[in-house]
Amino acid sequence: MSDLEDDLNALEASTSTPEIREVFQRIIEKYGFSSFGFMDASHPWENEPLLVSTHAPAWIDTYRSGNFITTDPCLARARRTNLPFHWGSVPLPPVTGKRKPGAVKAMEAARDFGINEGLTIPVHYNDALGRRYSSVCALFWKDPVQKFFASLRHNGVQLQVILLYFAQKIVDLHAAGIKASPRTSHRAELQRFPLTDREKEVLKWAGMGKTSDETAAILHISRKTIEAHIKSAMIKLGATNKTQATVQAVYRGLIDI
């Protein structure tokens, strides 16, 4: 039996989330990776999406406190492709002033934790009920970058196959605990009351990092009007804050940043 078959059988035999996390960690270490983070990115407006990870708790805390789920350039790209990619291939926005773009901050934070490169593998699929899921797995690399590319050349295909098995298994393990989503009513509400052009415009500027005062100055309307548009968009999108509304609007294809 080949190593690949052994790995797939070990994943298939896992009966709990802690077990499959340990199994997958052992597998990726054979390929030179230090840790992994698997996240269900299907609903990015959620504050706490499904996350199975072996990353250091300090990194997870930094990722959450920095709100990098809304600015991570690798996560944004993963939602738009089915192909694996390494982090160095993702272009970053230029730093034109004192304020760094969120994408730049996210990648700098990763380097601060000794992460030299990484491999992101998207997994997009529909479940038995036809619901769309977009999961993403990030594999962290801390050794010299030259070794990363050598491993990728020889093992890229195997890693993708293993991740497909892992993604399906981890979702199956969580399926029993997933209740019917209340967002169905939000989608129906959005069809009845679609976002207005002004609401989309306000969310787009918010997604570009503009405050309500800055957006008001750009659009030549009052701050109170800006906040009214944001509140209306939040209600239609079923979001609890401006950030969730903005991310959900991007994910649904209502705005483009």
C-alpha atoms as a PDB file:
ATOM      1  CA  MET A   1       0.000   0.000   0.000  1.00  0.00           C
ATOM      2  CA  SER A   2       1.357   3.467  -0.893  1.00  0.00           C
ATOM      3  CA  ASP A   3       1.963   6.307   1.570  1.00  0.00           C
ATOM      4  CA  LEU A   4      -0.905   8.221  -0.039  1.00  0.00           C
ATOM      5  CA  GLU A   5      -3.308   5.333   0.542  1.00  0.00           C
ATOM      6  CA  ASP A   6      -2.119   5.024   4.140  1.00  0.00           C
ATOM      7  CA  ASP A   7      -2.760   8.719   4.704  1.00  0.00           C
ATOM      8  CA  LEU A   8      -6.231   8.619   3.162  1.00  0.00           C
ATOM      9  CA  ASN A   9      -7.167   5.537   5.174  1.00  0.00           C
ATOM     10  CA  ALA A  10      -5.978   7.202   8.377  1.00  0.00           C
ATOM     11  CA  LEU A  11      -8.165  10.238   7.661  1.00  0.00           C
ATOM     12  CA  GLU A  12     -11.142   8.079   6.783  1.00  0.00           C
ATOM     13  CA  ALA A  13     -10.776   6.094   9.999  1.00  0.00           C
ATOM     14  CA  SER A  14     -10.835   9.207  12.201  1.00  0.00           C
ATOM     15  CA  THR A  15     -13.940   9.395  14.378  1.00  0.00           C
ATOM     16  CA  SER A  16     -13.610  12.798  16.041  1.00  0.00           C
ATOM     17  CA  THR A  17     -12.338  16.299  15.349  1.00  0.00           C
ATOM     18  CA  PRO A  18      -9.381  16.023  17.770  1.00  0.00           C
ATOM     19  CA  GLU A  19      -8.371  12.715  16.199  1.00  0.00           C
ATOM     20  CA  ILE A  20      -8.481  13.925  12.626  1.00  0.00           C
ATOM     21  CA  ARG A  21      -6.611  17.082  13.608  1.00  0.00           C
ATOM     22  CA  GLU A  22      -3.767  14.970  14.990  1.00  0.00           C
ATOM     23  CA  VAL A  23      -3.775  12.665  11.968  1.00  0.00           C
ATOM     24  CA  PHE A  24      -3.660  15.531   9.481  1.00  0.00           C
ATOM     25  CA  GLN A  25      -0.906  17.266  11.452  1.00  0.00           C
ATOM     26  CA  ARG A  26       1.252  14.138  11.264  1.00  0.00           C
ATOM     27  CA  ILE A  27       0.630  13.949   7.528  1.00  0.00           C
ATOM     28  CA  ILE A  28       1.618  17.535   6.722  1.00  0.00           C
ATOM     29  CA  GLU A  29       4.740  17.284   8.872  1.00  0.00           C
ATOM     30  CA  LYS A  30       5.954  14.541   6.520  1.00  0.00           C
ATOM     31  CA  TYR A  31       5.832  17.151   3.754  1.00  0.00           C
ATOM     32  CA  GLY A  32       7.719  19.750   5.798  1.00  0.00           C
ATOM     33  CA  PHE A  33       4.852  21.943   7.006  1.00  0.00           C
ATOM     34  CA  SER A  34       4.747  23.148  10.593  1.00  0.00           C
ATOM     35  CA  SER A  35       1.006  23.586  11.151  1.00  0.00           C
ATOM     36  CA  PHE A  36      -2.314  24.001   9.402  1.00  0.00           C
ATOM     37  CA  GLY A  37      -5.556  25.889   9.675  1.00  0.00           C
ATOM     38  CA  PHE A  38      -8.765  24.627   8.082  1.00  0.00           C
ATOM     39  CA  MET A  39     -11.658  27.068   7.947  1.00  0.00           C
ATOM     40  CA  ASP A  40     -15.129  26.871   6.529  1.00  0.00           C
ATOM     41  CA  ALA A  41     -15.188  30.145   4.606  1.00  0.00           C
ATOM     42  CA  SER A  42     -18.695  29.625   3.263  1.00  0.00           C
ATOM     43  CA  HIS A  43     -20.170  32.381   5.403  1.00  0.00           C
ATOM     44  CA  PRO A  44     -17.452  34.981   6.035  1.00  0.00           C
ATOM     45  CA  TRP A  45     -19.822  37.331   7.855  1.00  0.00           C
ATOM     46  CA  GLU A  46     -19.799  34.945  10.817  1.00  0.00           C
ATOM     47  CA  ASN A  47     -17.708  36.060  13.773  1.00  0.00           C
ATOM     48  CA  GLU A  48     -16.599  32.504  14.527  1.00  0.00           C
ATOM     49  CA  PRO A  49     -16.482  30.300  11.431  1.00  0.00           C
ATOM     50  CA  LEU A  50     -15.652  26.623  11.782  1.00  0.00           C
ATOM     51  CA  LEU A  51     -11.923  26.417  12.438  1.00  0.00           C
ATOM     52  CA  VAL A  52      -9.769  23.335  12.954  1.00  0.00           C
ATOM     53  CA  SER A  53      -6.157  24.251  13.446  1.00  0.00           C
ATOM     54  CA  THR A  54      -2.781  23.353  14.905  1.00  0.00           C
ATOM     55  CA  HIS A  55      -1.473  26.919  14.689  1.00  0.00           C
ATOM     56  CA  ALA A  56      -0.106  28.541  17.820  1.00  0.00           C
ATOM     57  CA  PRO A  57      -2.912  30.052  19.920  1.00  0.00           C
ATOM     58  CA  ALA A  58      -1.057  33.384  19.823  1.00  0.00           C
ATOM     59  CA  TRP A  59      -1.333  33.460  16.029  1.00  0.00           C
ATOM     60  CA  ILE A  60      -5.046  32.655  16.115  1.00  0.00           C
ATOM     61  CA  ASP A  61      -5.584  35.421  18.669  1.00  0.00           C
ATOM     62  CA  THR A  62      -3.626  37.848  16.485  1.00  0.00           C
ATOM     63  CA  TYR A  63      -5.604  36.840  13.398  1.00  0.00           C
ATOM     64  CA  ARG A  64      -8.888  37.392  15.207  1.00  0.00           C
ATOM     65  CA  SER A  65      -7.932  40.605  16.993  1.00  0.00           C
ATOM     66  CA  GLY A  66      -6.618  42.052  13.732  1.00  0.00           C
ATOM     67  CA  ASN A  67      -9.891  41.091  12.024  1.00  0.00           C
ATOM     68  CA  PHE A  68      -7.771  39.530   9.272  1.00  0.00           C
ATOM     69  CA  ILE A  69     -10.681  37.367   8.153  1.00  0.00           C
ATOM     70  CA  THR A  70     -11.921  40.467   6.304  1.00  0.00           C
ATOM     71  CA  THR A  71      -8.545  41.473   4.824  1.00  0.00           C
ATOM     72  CA  ASP A  72      -6.535  38.255   4.387  1.00  0.00           C
ATOM     73  CA  PRO A  73      -5.571  38.328   0.671  1.00  0.00           C
ATOM     74  CA  CYS A  74      -5.135  34.550   0.562  1.00  0.00           C
ATOM     75  CA  LEU A  75      -8.617  33.966   1.915  1.00  0.00           C
ATOM     76  CA  ALA A  76     -10.054  36.402  -0.633  1.00  0.00           C
ATOM     77  CA  ARG A  77      -8.288  34.603  -3.476  1.00  0.00           C
ATOM     78  CA  ALA A  78      -9.302  31.169  -2.162  1.00  0.00           C
ATOM     79  CA  ARG A  79     -12.965  32.089  -2.543  1.00  0.00           C
ATOM     80  CA  ARG A  80     -12.416  32.765  -6.242  1.00  0.00           C
ATOM     81  CA  THR A  81     -10.362  29.777  -7.366  1.00  0.00           C
ATOM     82  CA  ASN A  82     -10.273  26.002  -7.178  1.00  0.00           C
ATOM     83  CA  LEU A  83      -6.512  25.827  -7.602  1.00  0.00           C
ATOM     84  CA  PRO A  84      -3.926  25.638  -4.801  1.00  0.00           C
ATOM     85  CA  PHE A  85      -1.549  28.593  -4.587  1.00  0.00           C
ATOM     86  CA  HIS A  86       1.400  29.707  -2.490  1.00  0.00           C
ATOM     87  CA  TRP A  87       1.306  32.979  -0.610  1.00  0.00           C
ATOM     88  CA  GLY A  88       4.106  34.630  -2.521  1.00  0.00           C
ATOM     89  CA  SER A  89       1.993  34.479  -5.690  1.00  0.00           C
ATOM     90  CA  VAL A  90      -0.725  36.699  -4.191  1.00  0.00           C
ATOM     91  CA  PRO A  91      -0.226  40.382  -5.065  1.00  0.00           C
ATOM     92  CA  LEU A  92      -0.518  42.874  -2.231  1.00  0.00           C
ATOM     93  CA  PRO A  93      -1.856  46.418  -2.509  1.00  0.00           C
ATOM     94  CA  PRO A  94       0.791  49.164  -2.479  1.00  0.00           C
ATOM     95  CA  VAL A  95       1.459  51.125   0.691  1.00  0.00           C
ATOM     96  CA  THR A  96       0.920  54.723  -0.383  1.00  0.00           C
ATOM     97  CA  GLY A  97       0.631  56.443   2.962  1.00  0.00           C
ATOM     98  CA  LYS A  98       1.083  56.002   6.685  1.00  0.00           C
ATOM     99  CA  ARG A  99      -1.889  53.657   6.912  1.00  0.00           C
ATOM    100  CA  LYS A 100      -1.072  50.156   5.676  1.00  0.00           C
ATOM    101  CA  PRO A 101      -3.751  48.151   3.846  1.00  0.00           C
ATOM    102  CA  GLY A 102      -5.229  45.298   5.864  1.00  0.00           C
ATOM    103  CA  ALA A 103      -3.840  42.717   3.416  1.00  0.00           C
ATOM    104  CA  VAL A 104      -0.309  43.954   4.053  1.00  0.00           C
ATOM    105  CA  LYS A 105      -0.845  43.895   7.812  1.00  0.00           C
ATOM    106  CA  ALA A 106      -2.091  40.303   7.636  1.00  0.00           C
ATOM    107  CA  MET A 107       0.979  39.050   5.768  1.00  0.00           C
ATOM    108  CA  GLU A 108       3.376  41.028   7.952  1.00  0.00           C
ATOM    109  CA  ALA A 109       1.753  39.505  11.033  1.00  0.00           C
ATOM    110  CA  ALA A 110       2.360  36.026   9.617  1.00  0.00           C
ATOM    111  CA  ARG A 111       6.041  36.812   9.069  1.00  0.00           C
ATOM    112  CA  ASP A 112       6.280  38.073  12.653  1.00  0.00           C
ATOM    113  CA  PHE A 113       5.381  34.533  13.710  1.00  0.00           C
ATOM    114  CA  GLY A 114       8.242  33.072  11.681  1.00  0.00           C
ATOM    115  CA  ILE A 115       6.114  31.932   8.762  1.00  0.00           C
ATOM    116  CA  ASN A 116       8.201  32.207   5.593  1.00  0.00           C
ATOM    117  CA  GLU A 117       5.694  30.817   3.095  1.00  0.00           C
ATOM    118  CA  GLY A 118       2.485  28.894   2.947  1.00  0.00           C
ATOM    119  CA  LEU A 119       0.249  26.841   0.728  1.00  0.00           C
ATOM    120  CA  THR A 120      -3.464  27.575   0.506  1.00  0.00           C
ATOM    121  CA  ILE A 121      -5.762  24.910  -0.893  1.00  0.00           C
ATOM    122  CA  PRO A 122      -9.392  25.905  -1.599  1.00  0.00           C
ATOM    123  CA  VAL A 123     -12.173  23.314  -1.490  1.00  0.00           C
ATOM    124  CA  HIS A 124     -15.513  24.333  -3.037  1.00  0.00           C
ATOM    125  CA  TYR A 125     -18.431  21.905  -3.149  1.00  0.00           C
ATOM    126  CA  ASN A 126     -22.175  21.444  -2.686  1.00  0.00           C
ATOM    127  CA  ASP A 127     -23.568  19.233   0.044  1.00  0.00           C
ATOM    128  CA  ALA A 128     -26.390  16.712  -0.327  1.00  0.00           C
ATOM    129  CA  LEU A 129     -28.976  19.488  -0.020  1.00  0.00           C
ATOM    130  CA  GLY A 130     -27.311  21.591  -2.680  1.00  0.00           C
ATOM    131  CA  ARG A 131     -25.921  24.146  -0.228  1.00  0.00           C
ATOM    132  CA  ARG A 132     -22.697  25.794  -1.332  1.00  0.00           C
ATOM    133  CA  TYR A 133     -19.603  25.407   0.827  1.00  0.00           C
ATOM    134  CA  SER A 134     -16.229  27.053   0.426  1.00  0.00           C
ATOM    135  CA  SER A 135     -13.518  25.753   2.697  1.00  0.00           C
ATOM    136  CA  VAL A 136      -9.884  26.695   2.768  1.00  0.00           C
ATOM    137  CA  CYS A 137      -6.831  25.077   4.303  1.00  0.00           C
ATOM    138  CA  ALA A 138      -3.626  27.005   4.927  1.00  0.00           C
ATOM    139  CA  LEU A 139      -0.421  25.049   5.466  1.00  0.00           C
ATOM    140  CA  PHE A 140       2.342  27.023   7.223  1.00  0.00           C
ATOM    141  CA  TRP A 141       6.004  26.727   6.271  1.00  0.00           C
ATOM    142  CA  LYS A 142       8.767  27.915   8.628  1.00  0.00           C
ATOM    143  CA  ASP A 143      11.877  26.375   7.012  1.00  0.00           C
ATOM    144  CA  PRO A 144      13.878  28.088   4.235  1.00  0.00           C
ATOM    145  CA  VAL A 145      11.747  29.013   1.246  1.00  0.00           C
ATOM    146  CA  GLN A 146      13.901  26.993  -1.163  1.00  0.00           C
ATOM    147  CA  LYS A 147      12.831  23.781   0.568  1.00  0.00           C
ATOM    148  CA  PHE A 148       9.198  24.867   0.321  1.00  0.00           C
ATOM    149  CA  PHE A 149       9.272  25.067  -3.459  1.00  0.00           C
ATOM    150  CA  ALA A 150      11.142  21.779  -3.718  1.00  0.00           C
ATOM    151  CA  SER A 151       8.466  20.063  -1.622  1.00  0.00           C
ATOM    152  CA  LEU A 152       5.722  21.710  -3.630  1.00  0.00           C
ATOM    153  CA  ARG A 153       7.129  20.453  -6.940  1.00  0.00           C
ATOM    154  CA  HIS A 154       7.220  16.872  -5.739  1.00  0.00           C
ATOM    155  CA  ASN A 155       4.173  16.723  -3.475  1.00  0.00           C
ATOM    156  CA  GLY A 156       1.668  19.319  -4.656  1.00  0.00           C
ATOM    157  CA  VAL A 157      -0.779  16.871  -6.221  1.00  0.00           C
ATOM    158  CA  GLN A 158      -0.703  14.461  -3.292  1.00  0.00           C
ATOM    159  CA  LEU A 159      -1.346  17.296  -0.855  1.00  0.00           C
ATOM    160  CA  GLN A 160      -4.390  18.433  -2.800  1.00  0.00           C
ATOM    161  CA  VAL A 161      -5.855  14.916  -2.870  1.00  0.00           C
ATOM    162  CA  ILE A 162      -5.247  14.482   0.854  1.00  0.00           C
ATOM    163  CA  LEU A 163      -6.858  17.827   1.600  1.00  0.00           C
ATOM    164  CA  LEU A 164      -9.986  16.914  -0.372  1.00  0.00           C
ATOM    165  CA  TYR A 165     -10.416  13.837   1.799  1.00  0.00           C
ATOM    166  CA  PHE A 166      -9.667  15.791   4.946  1.00  0.00           C
ATOM    167  CA  ALA A 167     -12.130  18.587   4.107  1.00  0.00           C
ATOM    168  CA  GLN A 168     -15.002  16.223   3.455  1.00  0.00           C
ATOM    169  CA  LYS A 169     -14.282  14.206   6.589  1.00  0.00           C
ATOM    170  CA  ILE A 170     -14.052  17.225   8.883  1.00  0.00           C
ATOM    171  CA  VAL A 171     -17.331  18.574   7.527  1.00  0.00           C
ATOM    172  CA  ASP A 172     -18.986  15.180   8.005  1.00  0.00           C
ATOM    173  CA  LEU A 173     -17.809  15.070  11.609  1.00  0.00           C
ATOM    174  CA  HIS A 174     -19.380  18.450  12.261  1.00  0.00           C
ATOM    175  CA  ALA A 175     -22.541  17.829  10.252  1.00  0.00           C
ATOM    176  CA  ALA A 176     -24.487  16.330  13.164  1.00  0.00           C
ATOM    177  CA  GLY A 177     -23.928  19.479  15.203  1.00  0.00           C
ATOM    178  CA  ILE A 178     -24.875  21.942  12.490  1.00  0.00           C
ATOM    179  CA  LYS A 179     -28.413  23.230  12.833  1.00  0.00           C
ATOM    180  CA  ALA A 180     -30.587  24.724  10.091  1.00  0.00           C
ATOM    181  CA  SER A 181     -29.207  28.135   9.195  1.00  0.00           C
ATOM    182  CA  PRO A 182     -31.363  31.170  10.045  1.00  0.00           C
ATOM    183  CA  ARG A 183     -29.738  32.981   7.129  1.00  0.00           C
ATOM    184  CA  THR A 184     -32.424  31.547   4.833  1.00  0.00           C
ATOM    185  CA  SER A 185     -34.759  34.270   6.087  1.00  0.00           C
ATOM    186  CA  HIS A 186     -32.027  36.830   5.469  1.00  0.00           C
ATOM    187  CA  ARG A 187     -31.698  35.707   1.847  1.00  0.00           C
ATOM    188  CA  ALA A 188     -35.464  35.936   1.394  1.00  0.00           C
ATOM    189  CA  GLU A 189     -35.433  39.390   2.948  1.00  0.00           C
ATOM    190  CA  LEU A 190     -32.653  40.445   0.596  1.00  0.00           C
ATOM    191  CA  GLN A 191     -34.667  39.313  -2.423  1.00  0.00           C
ATOM    192  CA  ARG A 192     -37.692  41.292  -1.240  1.00  0.00           C
ATOM    193  CA  PHE A 193     -35.656  44.380  -0.313  1.00  0.00           C
ATOM    194  CA  PRO A 194     -32.424  44.447  -2.367  1.00  0.00           C
ATOM    195  CA  LEU A 195     -29.622  46.810  -1.486  1.00  0.00           C
ATOM    196  CA  THR A 196     -29.961  50.237  -3.051  1.00  0.00           C
ATOM    197  CA  ASP A 197     -27.149  51.701  -5.142  1.00  0.00           C
ATOM    198  CA  ARG A 198     -26.339  54.115  -2.316  1.00  0.00           C
ATOM    199  CA  GLU A 199     -26.184  51.296   0.252  1.00  0.00           C
ATOM    200  CA  LYS A 200     -23.799  49.381  -1.992  1.00  0.00           C
ATOM    201  CA  GLU A 201     -21.691  52.495  -2.459  1.00  0.00           C
ATOM    202  CA  VAL A 202     -21.465  53.139   1.275  1.00  0.00           C
ATOM    203  CA  LEU A 203     -20.496  49.522   2.002  1.00  0.00           C
ATOM    204  CA  LYS A 204     -17.878  49.622  -0.730  1.00  0.00           C
ATOM    205  CA  TRP A 205     -16.197  52.652   0.829  1.00  0.00           C
ATOM    206  CA  ALA A 206     -16.397  50.965   4.232  1.00  0.00           C
ATOM    207  CA  GLY A 207     -14.695  47.927   2.748  1.00  0.00           C
ATOM    208  CA  MET A 208     -11.907  50.185   1.507  1.00  0.00           C
ATOM    209  CA  GLY A 209     -11.250  51.313   5.053  1.00  0.00           C
ATOM    210  CA  LYS A 210     -13.116  54.606   5.051  1.00  0.00           C
ATOM    211  CA  THR A 211     -14.846  55.833   8.206  1.00  0.00           C
ATOM    212  CA  SER A 212     -18.383  57.178   8.151  1.00  0.00           C
ATOM    213  CA  ASP A 213     -17.027  60.745   8.264  1.00  0.00           C
ATOM    214  CA  GLU A 214     -14.652  60.082   5.366  1.00  0.00           C
ATOM    215  CA  THR A 215     -17.391  58.436   3.306  1.00  0.00           C
ATOM    216  CA  ALA A 216     -19.713  61.370   4.032  1.00  0.00           C
ATOM    217  CA  ALA A 217     -17.096  63.785   2.719  1.00  0.00           C
ATOM    218  CA  ILE A 218     -16.520  61.686  -0.416  1.00  0.00           C
ATOM    219  CA  LEU A 219     -20.223  61.360  -1.234  1.00  0.00           C
ATOM    220  CA  HIS A 220     -21.099  64.903  -0.097  1.00  0.00           C
ATOM    221  CA  ILE A 221     -23.828  63.743   2.264  1.00  0.00           C
ATOM    222  CA  SER A 222     -24.125  63.825   6.037  1.00  0.00           C
ATOM    223  CA  ARG A 223     -22.591  61.334   8.430  1.00  0.00           C
ATOM    224  CA  LYS A 224     -26.087  60.623   9.753  1.00  0.00           C
ATOM    225  CA  THR A 225     -27.222  59.643   6.257  1.00  0.00           C
ATOM    226  CA  ILE A 226     -24.193  57.360   5.837  1.00  0.00           C
ATOM    227  CA  GLU A 227     -24.992  55.564   9.076  1.00  0.00           C
ATOM    228  CA  ALA A 228     -28.643  55.217   8.067  1.00  0.00           C
ATOM    229  CA  HIS A 229     -27.597  53.511   4.815  1.00  0.00           C
ATOM    230  CA  ILE A 230     -25.241  51.197   6.732  1.00  0.00           C
ATOM    231  CA  LYS A 231     -27.952  50.274   9.232  1.00  0.00           C
ATOM    232  CA  SER A 232     -30.424  49.552   6.435  1.00  0.00           C
ATOM    233  CA  ALA A 233     -27.878  47.350   4.620  1.00  0.00           C
ATOM    234  CA  MET A 234     -27.105  45.488   7.857  1.00  0.00           C
ATOM    235  CA  ILE A 235     -30.778  44.664   8.354  1.00  0.00           C
ATOM    236  CA  LYS A 236     -31.172  43.408   4.792  1.00  0.00           C
ATOM    237  CA  LEU A 237     -28.028  41.306   4.994  1.00  0.00           C
ATOM    238  CA  GLY A 238     -28.742  39.938   8.465  1.00  0.00           C
ATOM    239  CA  ALA A 239     -25.461  41.367   9.753  1.00  0.00           C
ATOM    240  CA  THR A 240     -24.781  42.549  13.295  1.00  0.00           C
ATOM    241  CA  ASN A 241     -22.177  45.177  12.425  1.00  0.00           C
ATOM    242  CA  LYS A 242     -20.725  47.142   9.527  1.00  0.00           C
ATOM    243  CA  THR A 243     -17.806  44.767   8.976  1.00  0.00           C
ATOM    244  CA  GLN A 244     -20.064  41.731   8.663  1.00  0.00           C
ATOM    245  CA  ALA A 245     -22.341  43.604   6.266  1.00  0.00           C
ATOM    246  CA  THR A 246     -19.402  44.646   4.099  1.00  0.00           C
ATOM    247  CA  VAL A 247     -17.843  41.183   3.948  1.00  0.00           C
ATOM    248  CA  GLN A 248     -21.174  39.554   3.213  1.00  0.00           C
ATOM    249  CA  ALA A 249     -21.870  42.051   0.416  1.00  0.00           C
ATOM    250  CA  VAL A 250     -18.502  41.236  -1.160  1.00  0.00           C
ATOM    251  CA  TYR A 251     -19.050  37.506  -0.816  1.00  0.00           C
ATOM    252  CA  ARG A 252     -22.513  37.711  -2.371  1.00  0.00           C
ATOM    253  CA  GLY A 253     -21.097  39.661  -5.297  1.00  0.00           C
ATOM    254  CA  LEU A 254     -23.131  42.776  -4.427  1.00  0.00           C
ATOM    255  CA  ILE A 255     -20.033  44.970  -4.275  1.00  0.00           C
ATOM    256  CA  ASP A 256     -16.482  44.646  -5.510  1.00  0.00           C
ATOM    257  CA  ILE A 257     -13.519  46.086  -3.625  1.00  0.00           C
END
